[in-house]
N, C-alpha and C. Protein backbone atom coordinates (compact mmCIF):
# COMPACT_ATOMS: atom_id res chain seq x y z
N MET A 1 0.82 -1.32 -0.24
CA MET A 1 -0.08 -0.20 0.26
C MET A 1 1.07 1.24 0.03
N SER A 2 0.74 2.27 -0.82
CA SER A 2 1.12 3.59 -0.84
C SER A 2 1.23 4.56 0.29
N THR A 3 2.09 4.95 0.79
CA THR A 3 2.07 6.19 1.67
C THR A 3 2.21 7.11 1.21
N ALA A 4 2.26 8.48 1.74
CA ALA A 4 2.80 9.84 1.09
C ALA A 4 3.86 10.08 0.84
N THR A 5 4.43 9.47 1.27
CA THR A 5 5.95 9.79 0.76
C THR A 5 6.46 9.09 0.11
N THR A 6 5.61 7.88 -1.10
CA THR A 6 5.94 7.00 -2.04
C THR A 6 4.90 7.42 -2.93
N ALA A 7 3.66 8.18 -2.97
CA ALA A 7 2.97 7.76 -3.74
C ALA A 7 3.51 8.47 -4.77
N VAL A 8 2.78 8.25 -6.13
CA VAL A 8 2.83 9.00 -7.70
C VAL A 8 1.87 9.83 -7.71
N PRO A 9 2.22 11.00 -8.19
CA PRO A 9 1.08 12.78 -8.18
C PRO A 9 0.36 11.95 -8.83
N THR A 10 -1.07 12.64 -8.53
CA THR A 10 -2.20 12.57 -8.39
C THR A 10 -2.52 12.78 -10.26
N GLY A 11 -3.26 11.85 -10.67
CA GLY A 11 -3.35 11.89 -11.96
C GLY A 11 -2.49 11.18 -13.18
N LEU A 12 -1.24 10.77 -12.44
CA LEU A 12 -0.25 9.72 -13.07
C LEU A 12 -0.79 8.41 -13.02
N THR A 13 -1.21 7.71 -13.67
CA THR A 13 -1.85 6.48 -13.62
C THR A 13 -0.99 5.55 -13.95
N ALA A 14 -1.11 4.07 -13.21
CA ALA A 14 0.18 3.13 -13.27
C ALA A 14 0.01 2.61 -14.73
N GLY A 15 1.17 2.27 -15.32
CA GLY A 15 1.60 1.64 -16.96
C GLY A 15 2.54 2.59 -17.61
N THR A 16 2.61 1.94 -18.66
CA THR A 16 4.10 2.47 -19.40
C THR A 16 3.79 3.96 -20.28
N TRP A 17 4.52 5.24 -20.03
CA TRP A 17 4.40 6.27 -21.00
C TRP A 17 5.15 6.40 -21.62
N ALA A 18 4.97 6.44 -23.04
CA ALA A 18 6.65 7.12 -23.76
C ALA A 18 6.26 8.71 -23.87
N ILE A 19 7.33 9.24 -23.91
CA ILE A 19 8.15 10.43 -24.17
C ILE A 19 8.34 10.55 -25.64
N ASP A 20 7.41 12.18 -25.50
CA ASP A 20 6.63 12.53 -26.81
C ASP A 20 7.69 13.69 -26.87
N ALA A 21 8.85 12.71 -28.10
CA ALA A 21 9.86 13.15 -28.09
C ALA A 21 9.64 14.91 -28.89
N SER A 22 8.47 15.29 -29.81
CA SER A 22 8.27 16.60 -30.21
C SER A 22 7.57 17.80 -29.20
N HIS A 23 7.82 16.94 -28.42
CA HIS A 23 7.27 18.10 -27.62
C HIS A 23 7.80 18.03 -25.60
N THR A 24 9.30 18.09 -26.23
CA THR A 24 10.20 17.72 -24.98
C THR A 24 11.17 18.15 -25.21
N GLU A 25 12.18 18.72 -24.64
CA GLU A 25 13.57 19.59 -24.64
C GLU A 25 14.59 19.02 -23.25
N ALA A 26 15.80 19.38 -23.87
CA ALA A 26 16.96 18.73 -23.23
C ALA A 26 17.66 20.49 -23.43
N ALA A 27 17.72 21.40 -22.38
CA ALA A 27 18.75 22.52 -22.45
C ALA A 27 19.81 22.24 -21.60
N PHE A 28 20.54 23.45 -21.79
CA PHE A 28 21.69 23.04 -21.19
C PHE A 28 22.11 24.86 -21.22
N THR A 29 22.91 25.30 -20.03
CA THR A 29 23.46 26.62 -20.12
C THR A 29 24.87 26.44 -19.57
N VAL A 30 25.78 27.14 -19.98
CA VAL A 30 27.48 26.81 -19.53
C VAL A 30 27.78 28.44 -20.04
N ARG A 31 28.89 28.46 -18.95
CA ARG A 31 29.38 30.14 -18.72
C ARG A 31 30.48 30.08 -19.51
N HIS A 32 30.19 31.07 -20.57
CA HIS A 32 31.31 31.45 -21.28
C HIS A 32 32.21 32.48 -21.22
N ALA A 33 33.45 32.41 -21.12
CA ALA A 33 34.82 33.50 -20.77
C ALA A 33 34.21 34.28 -19.18
N GLY A 34 33.68 33.35 -18.49
CA GLY A 34 33.60 34.29 -17.23
C GLY A 34 32.55 35.14 -17.09
N ILE A 35 31.81 35.51 -18.06
CA ILE A 35 31.26 36.86 -18.47
C ILE A 35 29.66 36.64 -18.99
N SER A 36 29.92 35.77 -19.67
CA SER A 36 28.20 35.40 -20.18
C SER A 36 27.92 34.23 -20.24
N LYS A 37 26.91 33.81 -20.57
CA LYS A 37 26.65 32.10 -20.98
C LYS A 37 26.24 31.97 -22.54
N VAL A 38 26.08 30.75 -22.55
CA VAL A 38 25.59 30.26 -24.05
C VAL A 38 24.62 29.11 -23.74
N ARG A 39 23.84 29.12 -24.51
CA ARG A 39 22.16 27.85 -24.39
C ARG A 39 22.41 27.31 -25.35
N GLY A 40 21.87 26.00 -25.02
CA GLY A 40 21.21 25.30 -26.23
C GLY A 40 20.68 24.39 -26.02
N THR A 41 20.38 23.31 -26.96
CA THR A 41 19.36 22.09 -26.75
C THR A 41 20.37 21.03 -27.38
N ILE A 42 19.74 19.91 -26.86
CA ILE A 42 20.41 18.54 -28.14
C ILE A 42 18.57 17.49 -27.65
N ALA A 43 18.19 16.86 -29.10
CA ALA A 43 17.04 16.61 -28.86
C ALA A 43 17.36 14.76 -28.01
N VAL A 44 15.76 15.27 -27.35
CA VAL A 44 15.33 13.53 -26.44
C VAL A 44 14.86 12.68 -27.64
N THR A 45 15.23 12.17 -27.89
CA THR A 45 14.85 10.68 -29.03
C THR A 45 13.85 10.22 -28.65
N GLY A 46 13.77 9.46 -27.04
CA GLY A 46 12.72 8.68 -27.19
C GLY A 46 12.95 8.20 -25.26
N GLY A 47 12.52 7.04 -25.04
CA GLY A 47 11.97 7.31 -23.61
C GLY A 47 10.99 6.70 -23.43
N THR A 48 11.16 6.05 -22.08
CA THR A 48 9.69 5.75 -21.44
C THR A 48 9.52 6.11 -19.87
N VAL A 49 8.43 6.15 -19.35
CA VAL A 49 8.25 6.37 -17.64
C VAL A 49 7.38 5.38 -17.79
N VAL A 50 7.65 4.19 -17.01
CA VAL A 50 7.20 3.13 -16.17
C VAL A 50 6.64 3.52 -14.86
N VAL A 51 4.92 3.54 -14.80
CA VAL A 51 4.41 4.22 -13.50
C VAL A 51 3.89 2.69 -13.04
N GLY A 52 4.57 2.42 -11.51
CA GLY A 52 4.01 1.57 -10.77
C GLY A 52 3.22 1.95 -9.74
N GLU A 53 3.16 1.14 -8.51
CA GLU A 53 1.45 1.44 -7.86
C GLU A 53 2.32 2.25 -6.97
N ASP A 54 3.63 2.89 -6.78
CA ASP A 54 4.31 3.84 -5.71
C ASP A 54 5.45 4.18 -6.54
N LEU A 55 6.35 5.63 -5.96
CA LEU A 55 7.78 6.00 -6.32
C LEU A 55 8.49 4.80 -6.67
N THR A 56 8.18 4.02 -5.90
CA THR A 56 9.45 2.77 -5.46
C THR A 56 9.49 1.76 -6.76
N ALA A 57 8.49 1.90 -7.32
CA ALA A 57 8.29 0.54 -8.37
C ALA A 57 7.95 1.46 -9.94
N THR A 58 8.50 2.85 -9.57
CA THR A 58 8.55 3.55 -11.17
C THR A 58 9.77 4.05 -11.43
N SER A 59 9.92 3.96 -13.14
CA SER A 59 11.24 4.01 -13.47
C SER A 59 10.90 4.62 -15.12
N VAL A 60 12.29 5.55 -15.39
CA VAL A 60 12.38 6.36 -16.42
C VAL A 60 13.53 6.09 -17.22
N SER A 61 13.52 6.10 -18.23
CA SER A 61 14.80 5.74 -19.23
C SER A 61 14.70 6.48 -20.62
N VAL A 62 15.35 7.64 -20.93
CA VAL A 62 15.54 7.97 -21.82
C VAL A 62 16.85 8.43 -22.48
N THR A 63 16.89 8.61 -23.96
CA THR A 63 17.63 8.73 -25.09
C THR A 63 17.79 9.57 -25.39
N LEU A 64 19.33 10.50 -25.79
CA LEU A 64 19.34 11.90 -26.32
C LEU A 64 20.24 11.49 -27.45
N ASP A 65 20.15 12.47 -28.50
CA ASP A 65 21.10 12.67 -29.54
C ASP A 65 22.08 13.52 -29.96
N PRO A 66 23.23 13.57 -29.18
CA PRO A 66 23.90 14.87 -29.18
C PRO A 66 24.86 15.54 -30.52
N SER A 67 24.39 14.81 -31.51
CA SER A 67 24.40 15.11 -33.34
C SER A 67 23.75 16.35 -33.08
N THR A 68 22.60 16.62 -32.82
CA THR A 68 21.58 17.44 -33.02
C THR A 68 21.80 19.03 -32.25
N VAL A 69 22.82 19.03 -31.68
CA VAL A 69 23.15 19.84 -30.52
C VAL A 69 23.12 21.15 -31.30
N THR A 70 22.29 22.67 -30.83
CA THR A 70 22.38 23.76 -31.23
C THR A 70 21.91 25.06 -30.31
N THR A 71 23.20 25.46 -30.78
CA THR A 71 23.35 27.06 -29.79
C THR A 71 23.05 27.77 -30.61
N GLY A 72 22.80 28.19 -31.67
CA GLY A 72 22.91 29.43 -32.28
C GLY A 72 23.82 29.69 -33.33
N ASP A 73 24.83 28.96 -33.40
CA ASP A 73 26.23 29.48 -33.76
C ASP A 73 26.49 28.24 -34.69
N ALA A 74 26.17 27.92 -35.92
CA ALA A 74 27.04 26.85 -36.52
C ALA A 74 28.34 26.02 -36.44
N THR A 75 29.15 27.30 -36.50
CA THR A 75 30.84 27.55 -36.03
C THR A 75 30.48 26.16 -34.60
N ARG A 76 29.73 27.05 -33.68
CA ARG A 76 30.39 26.49 -31.91
C ARG A 76 29.52 25.20 -32.41
N ASP A 77 28.25 25.16 -32.99
CA ASP A 77 28.19 23.42 -32.95
C ASP A 77 28.77 22.44 -33.35
N GLY A 78 29.34 22.70 -34.71
CA GLY A 78 30.52 21.95 -35.36
C GLY A 78 31.31 21.37 -34.43
N HIS A 79 32.21 22.52 -33.63
CA HIS A 79 33.29 22.21 -32.52
C HIS A 79 32.59 21.36 -31.46
N LEU A 80 31.21 21.25 -30.92
CA LEU A 80 30.98 20.61 -30.16
C LEU A 80 30.47 18.93 -30.26
N LYS A 81 30.12 19.15 -31.51
CA LYS A 81 30.11 17.61 -31.97
C LYS A 81 31.80 17.09 -32.30
N SER A 82 32.54 17.65 -32.66
CA SER A 82 33.64 17.22 -32.61
C SER A 82 34.39 16.19 -32.10
N GLY A 83 35.58 15.81 -31.98
CA GLY A 83 36.26 15.05 -30.93
C GLY A 83 36.54 15.75 -29.59
N ASP A 84 36.61 16.69 -29.75
CA ASP A 84 37.07 17.96 -28.39
C ASP A 84 36.11 17.73 -27.73
N PHE A 85 35.01 17.93 -28.43
CA PHE A 85 33.84 17.49 -27.04
C PHE A 85 33.05 16.54 -26.94
N PHE A 86 31.85 16.41 -27.75
CA PHE A 86 30.90 15.53 -27.64
C PHE A 86 31.62 14.06 -28.75
N ASP A 87 31.94 14.06 -29.51
CA ASP A 87 32.53 13.23 -30.52
C ASP A 87 31.73 12.39 -30.80
N VAL A 88 30.33 12.81 -31.70
CA VAL A 88 29.17 12.24 -31.93
C VAL A 88 29.73 11.26 -32.46
N GLU A 89 30.34 11.06 -33.59
CA GLU A 89 30.99 10.09 -34.64
C GLU A 89 31.09 8.81 -33.77
N LYS A 90 31.81 8.68 -32.43
CA LYS A 90 31.88 7.86 -31.43
C LYS A 90 30.93 7.27 -29.78
N PHE A 91 30.35 8.66 -30.35
CA PHE A 91 29.52 8.66 -28.76
C PHE A 91 28.32 9.17 -29.31
N GLY A 92 26.96 8.34 -30.31
CA GLY A 92 26.48 8.96 -30.75
C GLY A 92 24.46 8.94 -29.87
N GLN A 93 25.12 8.44 -28.80
CA GLN A 93 24.07 8.24 -28.21
C GLN A 93 24.08 8.73 -26.64
N TRP A 94 23.25 9.43 -26.16
CA TRP A 94 23.21 9.98 -24.75
C TRP A 94 22.21 9.26 -23.98
N THR A 95 22.40 8.61 -22.72
CA THR A 95 21.26 8.21 -21.91
C THR A 95 21.10 8.40 -20.76
N PHE A 96 19.97 8.37 -20.23
CA PHE A 96 19.69 8.73 -18.41
C PHE A 96 19.01 6.89 -18.39
N VAL A 97 19.26 6.33 -17.30
CA VAL A 97 18.65 5.27 -16.39
C VAL A 97 17.78 5.88 -14.69
N SER A 98 17.08 5.43 -15.04
CA SER A 98 16.48 5.84 -13.19
C SER A 98 17.07 4.91 -12.58
N THR A 99 17.58 5.36 -11.13
CA THR A 99 17.52 3.97 -10.35
C THR A 99 16.76 4.04 -8.76
N GLN A 100 16.14 5.29 -9.08
CA GLN A 100 15.57 5.88 -7.62
C GLN A 100 14.77 6.85 -7.99
N ILE A 101 13.49 6.43 -7.29
CA ILE A 101 12.60 8.02 -7.42
C ILE A 101 11.95 8.52 -6.01
N ARG A 102 12.05 9.58 -5.32
CA ARG A 102 11.86 9.36 -4.20
C ARG A 102 11.05 11.06 -3.99
N GLU A 103 10.33 11.67 -3.21
CA GLU A 103 9.62 12.84 -2.58
C GLU A 103 10.73 13.41 -2.07
N ALA A 104 10.85 14.91 -2.06
CA ALA A 104 11.51 15.43 -0.96
C ALA A 104 11.07 16.66 -1.17
N GLY A 105 10.76 17.12 -0.21
CA GLY A 105 10.34 19.08 0.14
C GLY A 105 9.63 19.41 -0.64
N GLY A 106 8.26 18.66 -1.10
CA GLY A 106 7.39 19.11 -1.90
C GLY A 106 7.73 19.15 -3.37
N HIS A 107 8.44 18.36 -3.80
CA HIS A 107 9.04 18.27 -5.14
C HIS A 107 9.89 16.60 -5.22
N HIS A 108 10.21 16.04 -6.65
CA HIS A 108 10.28 14.69 -6.70
C HIS A 108 11.88 14.79 -6.95
N VAL A 109 12.54 13.65 -6.41
CA VAL A 109 13.79 13.53 -6.99
C VAL A 109 14.19 12.06 -7.78
N ILE A 110 14.89 12.13 -8.93
CA ILE A 110 14.61 11.00 -9.76
C ILE A 110 16.40 10.79 -9.76
N ALA A 111 16.68 10.33 -9.81
CA ALA A 111 18.20 9.63 -9.06
C ALA A 111 18.21 8.84 -10.47
N GLY A 112 19.55 8.68 -11.05
CA GLY A 112 19.93 7.76 -11.81
C GLY A 112 21.28 7.49 -12.71
N ASP A 113 21.42 6.94 -13.64
CA ASP A 113 22.90 6.66 -13.84
C ASP A 113 22.80 7.68 -15.49
N LEU A 114 23.36 8.87 -15.75
CA LEU A 114 23.84 9.63 -17.06
C LEU A 114 25.23 9.25 -17.37
N THR A 115 24.62 8.80 -18.85
CA THR A 115 25.86 8.51 -19.88
C THR A 115 25.96 9.84 -20.85
N ILE A 116 26.98 10.41 -20.93
CA ILE A 116 27.35 11.26 -21.74
C ILE A 116 28.93 10.74 -22.44
N HIS A 117 29.20 10.98 -23.51
CA HIS A 117 30.50 10.97 -24.04
C HIS A 117 31.21 9.49 -23.68
N GLY A 118 30.28 8.32 -23.42
CA GLY A 118 30.52 7.15 -22.95
C GLY A 118 31.13 6.45 -21.51
N VAL A 119 30.85 8.10 -20.67
CA VAL A 119 31.20 8.00 -19.29
C VAL A 119 29.75 7.93 -18.58
N THR A 120 29.53 7.17 -17.86
CA THR A 120 28.11 6.87 -16.80
C THR A 120 28.40 7.54 -15.38
N ARG A 121 27.56 8.56 -14.73
CA ARG A 121 27.45 8.81 -13.65
C ARG A 121 26.27 8.93 -12.89
N PRO A 122 26.35 8.91 -11.65
CA PRO A 122 24.95 9.28 -11.08
C PRO A 122 24.93 10.65 -10.93
N VAL A 123 23.69 10.72 -11.19
CA VAL A 123 23.18 12.47 -11.19
C VAL A 123 21.62 12.21 -10.26
N GLU A 124 20.86 13.37 -9.65
CA GLU A 124 19.75 13.48 -8.90
C GLU A 124 19.03 14.55 -9.76
N LEU A 125 18.11 14.61 -10.61
CA LEU A 125 17.18 15.38 -11.18
C LEU A 125 16.13 16.18 -10.18
N GLU A 126 15.97 17.30 -9.53
CA GLU A 126 14.78 17.87 -8.99
C GLU A 126 14.15 17.63 -10.33
N THR A 127 12.51 17.74 -9.65
CA THR A 127 11.33 17.39 -10.83
C THR A 127 10.45 17.75 -9.80
N GLU A 128 9.34 18.86 -10.77
CA GLU A 128 8.63 19.55 -10.77
C GLU A 128 7.49 18.45 -11.67
N PHE A 129 6.41 17.97 -11.50
CA PHE A 129 5.10 17.51 -11.98
C PHE A 129 4.47 18.70 -12.45
N ASN A 130 3.97 18.80 -13.35
CA ASN A 130 3.29 19.85 -14.17
C ASN A 130 1.61 19.36 -14.17
N GLY A 131 1.72 18.09 -13.89
CA GLY A 131 -0.18 17.80 -14.27
C GLY A 131 -0.33 16.65 -15.24
N THR A 132 -1.76 16.52 -15.65
CA THR A 132 -2.07 15.53 -16.93
C THR A 132 -3.07 16.21 -17.60
N ALA A 133 -3.09 15.93 -18.22
CA ALA A 133 -4.20 16.74 -19.34
C ALA A 133 -4.75 15.76 -20.67
N VAL A 134 -5.87 15.93 -20.96
CA VAL A 134 -6.41 15.40 -22.20
C VAL A 134 -6.34 16.03 -23.21
N ASP A 135 -5.67 15.71 -24.36
CA ASP A 135 -5.28 16.46 -25.56
C ASP A 135 -6.67 16.58 -26.64
N PRO A 136 -6.79 17.27 -27.77
CA PRO A 136 -7.94 16.92 -28.33
C PRO A 136 -7.89 15.72 -29.19
N PHE A 137 -6.53 14.98 -29.09
CA PHE A 137 -6.59 13.46 -29.69
C PHE A 137 -7.06 12.42 -28.75
N GLY A 138 -7.25 12.83 -27.84
CA GLY A 138 -7.89 11.78 -26.90
C GLY A 138 -6.69 11.34 -26.20
N ASN A 139 -5.29 11.86 -26.22
CA ASN A 139 -3.72 11.32 -25.54
C ASN A 139 -3.90 11.97 -24.25
N THR A 140 -3.91 11.06 -22.78
CA THR A 140 -3.26 11.57 -21.89
C THR A 140 -2.49 11.54 -21.87
N ARG A 141 -2.01 13.26 -21.55
CA ARG A 141 -0.37 13.31 -21.03
C ARG A 141 -0.25 13.99 -19.66
N ALA A 142 1.10 13.40 -19.60
CA ALA A 142 2.11 14.37 -18.27
C ALA A 142 2.70 14.90 -18.88
N GLY A 143 3.36 16.40 -18.04
CA GLY A 143 3.92 17.00 -18.46
C GLY A 143 5.50 16.95 -16.95
N PHE A 144 6.28 17.29 -17.13
CA PHE A 144 7.69 17.15 -16.01
C PHE A 144 8.53 18.00 -16.41
N GLU A 145 9.33 19.16 -15.42
CA GLU A 145 10.13 19.72 -15.53
C GLU A 145 11.26 19.27 -14.92
N ALA A 146 12.42 18.88 -15.24
CA ALA A 146 13.43 18.76 -14.54
C ALA A 146 15.12 19.53 -14.41
N THR A 147 15.92 19.59 -13.39
CA THR A 147 17.05 20.29 -13.30
C THR A 147 18.23 19.64 -13.00
N VAL A 148 19.32 19.62 -13.40
CA VAL A 148 20.53 18.96 -12.66
C VAL A 148 21.76 19.79 -13.17
N THR A 149 22.37 19.78 -12.38
CA THR A 149 24.23 20.52 -12.60
C THR A 149 25.07 19.39 -12.33
N ILE A 150 25.72 19.30 -13.71
CA ILE A 150 27.01 18.47 -13.49
C ILE A 150 27.96 19.04 -14.00
N SER A 151 29.28 18.68 -13.91
CA SER A 151 30.52 18.98 -14.24
C SER A 151 30.56 18.26 -15.36
N ARG A 152 31.49 19.17 -16.68
CA ARG A 152 32.11 18.40 -17.88
C ARG A 152 33.19 17.72 -17.67
N LYS A 153 34.09 17.70 -16.88
CA LYS A 153 35.06 16.80 -16.22
C LYS A 153 34.49 15.96 -16.06
N ASP A 154 33.84 15.02 -14.86
CA ASP A 154 33.06 13.96 -14.91
C ASP A 154 32.61 12.94 -15.93
N PHE A 155 32.56 13.95 -17.49
CA PHE A 155 32.49 12.92 -18.39
C PHE A 155 33.15 13.17 -19.19
N ASP A 156 34.53 13.16 -19.05
CA ASP A 156 35.66 13.89 -19.48
C ASP A 156 35.27 14.76 -20.88
N LEU A 157 34.81 15.70 -20.29
CA LEU A 157 34.59 16.84 -21.49
C LEU A 157 35.66 18.02 -20.92
N THR A 158 36.40 18.19 -21.31
CA THR A 158 37.75 18.53 -20.72
C THR A 158 38.50 19.95 -21.57
N TRP A 159 38.15 19.98 -23.17
CA TRP A 159 38.70 20.74 -23.62
C TRP A 159 38.34 22.37 -23.32
N ASN A 160 39.38 23.15 -23.27
CA ASN A 160 39.29 24.61 -22.91
C ASN A 160 40.25 25.39 -23.68
N ALA A 161 40.23 26.59 -23.27
CA ALA A 161 41.18 27.33 -23.49
C ALA A 161 41.50 28.47 -22.77
N ALA A 162 42.51 28.70 -22.50
CA ALA A 162 42.79 30.01 -21.30
C ALA A 162 42.59 31.11 -21.98
N LEU A 163 42.32 32.05 -21.19
CA LEU A 163 42.14 32.91 -21.07
C LEU A 163 43.31 34.29 -20.78
N GLU A 164 43.48 35.69 -21.34
CA GLU A 164 44.37 36.34 -21.07
C GLU A 164 44.34 37.00 -20.10
N ALA A 165 43.28 37.28 -19.53
CA ALA A 165 43.35 37.73 -18.37
C ALA A 165 43.20 36.82 -16.97
N GLY A 166 43.16 35.70 -17.33
CA GLY A 166 42.81 34.46 -16.74
C GLY A 166 41.92 33.82 -16.28
N GLY A 167 41.65 32.29 -15.88
CA GLY A 167 40.62 32.07 -16.09
C GLY A 167 40.85 30.66 -17.18
N VAL A 168 39.44 30.34 -17.67
CA VAL A 168 39.43 29.40 -18.94
C VAL A 168 37.98 30.25 -19.33
N LEU A 169 37.64 29.75 -20.91
CA LEU A 169 36.68 29.96 -21.68
C LEU A 169 35.30 29.35 -21.60
N ILE A 170 35.31 28.04 -21.39
CA ILE A 170 34.20 27.01 -20.42
C ILE A 170 34.20 26.70 -19.32
N SER A 171 33.24 27.31 -18.53
CA SER A 171 33.39 26.73 -16.87
C SER A 171 33.06 25.26 -17.23
N ASP A 172 33.47 24.46 -16.17
CA ASP A 172 33.64 23.21 -15.71
C ASP A 172 31.82 22.46 -15.52
N LYS A 173 30.86 23.69 -15.02
CA LYS A 173 29.74 23.14 -14.82
C LYS A 173 29.04 23.80 -15.80
N VAL A 174 27.99 22.99 -16.06
CA VAL A 174 26.74 23.00 -16.71
C VAL A 174 25.33 22.64 -16.43
N VAL A 175 24.44 23.24 -16.67
CA VAL A 175 22.91 23.43 -16.03
C VAL A 175 22.23 22.84 -16.78
N ILE A 176 21.44 21.25 -16.85
CA ILE A 176 20.76 20.80 -17.42
C ILE A 176 19.37 20.62 -17.10
N THR A 177 18.31 21.37 -18.15
CA THR A 177 17.08 21.63 -17.69
C THR A 177 16.04 21.29 -18.78
N LEU A 178 15.24 20.49 -18.51
CA LEU A 178 14.68 19.09 -19.44
C LEU A 178 13.01 19.19 -19.11
N ASP A 179 11.97 19.68 -19.95
CA ASP A 179 11.13 19.98 -20.15
C ASP A 179 10.63 18.67 -21.16
N VAL A 180 9.69 17.67 -19.84
CA VAL A 180 9.53 16.81 -20.78
C VAL A 180 7.91 16.46 -20.73
N SER A 181 7.24 15.70 -21.88
CA SER A 181 6.04 15.55 -22.22
C SER A 181 5.63 13.96 -22.41
N ILE A 182 4.81 13.25 -21.83
CA ILE A 182 4.74 11.77 -21.79
C ILE A 182 3.44 11.57 -22.40
N ILE A 183 3.19 10.47 -23.10
CA ILE A 183 1.99 9.85 -23.48
C ILE A 183 1.19 8.75 -22.87
N LYS A 184 0.64 7.97 -22.49
CA LYS A 184 0.08 7.17 -21.66
C LYS A 184 -0.52 6.35 -22.94
N GLY A 185 0.45 4.91 -23.14
CA GLY A 185 0.14 3.86 -23.92
C GLY A 185 -0.65 3.01 -23.79
């Protein structure tokens, strides 16, 4: 029997939900030259949320395609896809697989293994459930927002350049924000 601390959010019914890639976005922000931020997106290409009777029986798996990186600058995007960064020829898919979902202070935390650039590290996504709705086509949808901060170095993404006044061109800290829509199967 579910308890308040392990109950799935109201409206999120048990079963398999598919990630709607056309209404889901993975965005990132990284400090550039210590004075500004670069923002970009990477396509979420698929995934599922299997909702169990409670949070302990619920799981998430997601795939992303780093070759779709978009920052608004074609030259920078090409550099990010190269061997200096994502090396999309060798590491053409990123994944996230949950290991635990729990309630924490009015929101949910999805802990799991994030694989980027062939390196897998544990992360915790602070997640907000945005509710459910039935769309005009009869699909039951649910929405979430999630955020995690990672270290580039943890994923062997170490390319950088020294600045004349000191410091480096690209910060180690990257903030990833997900806006996710799922459809009940």
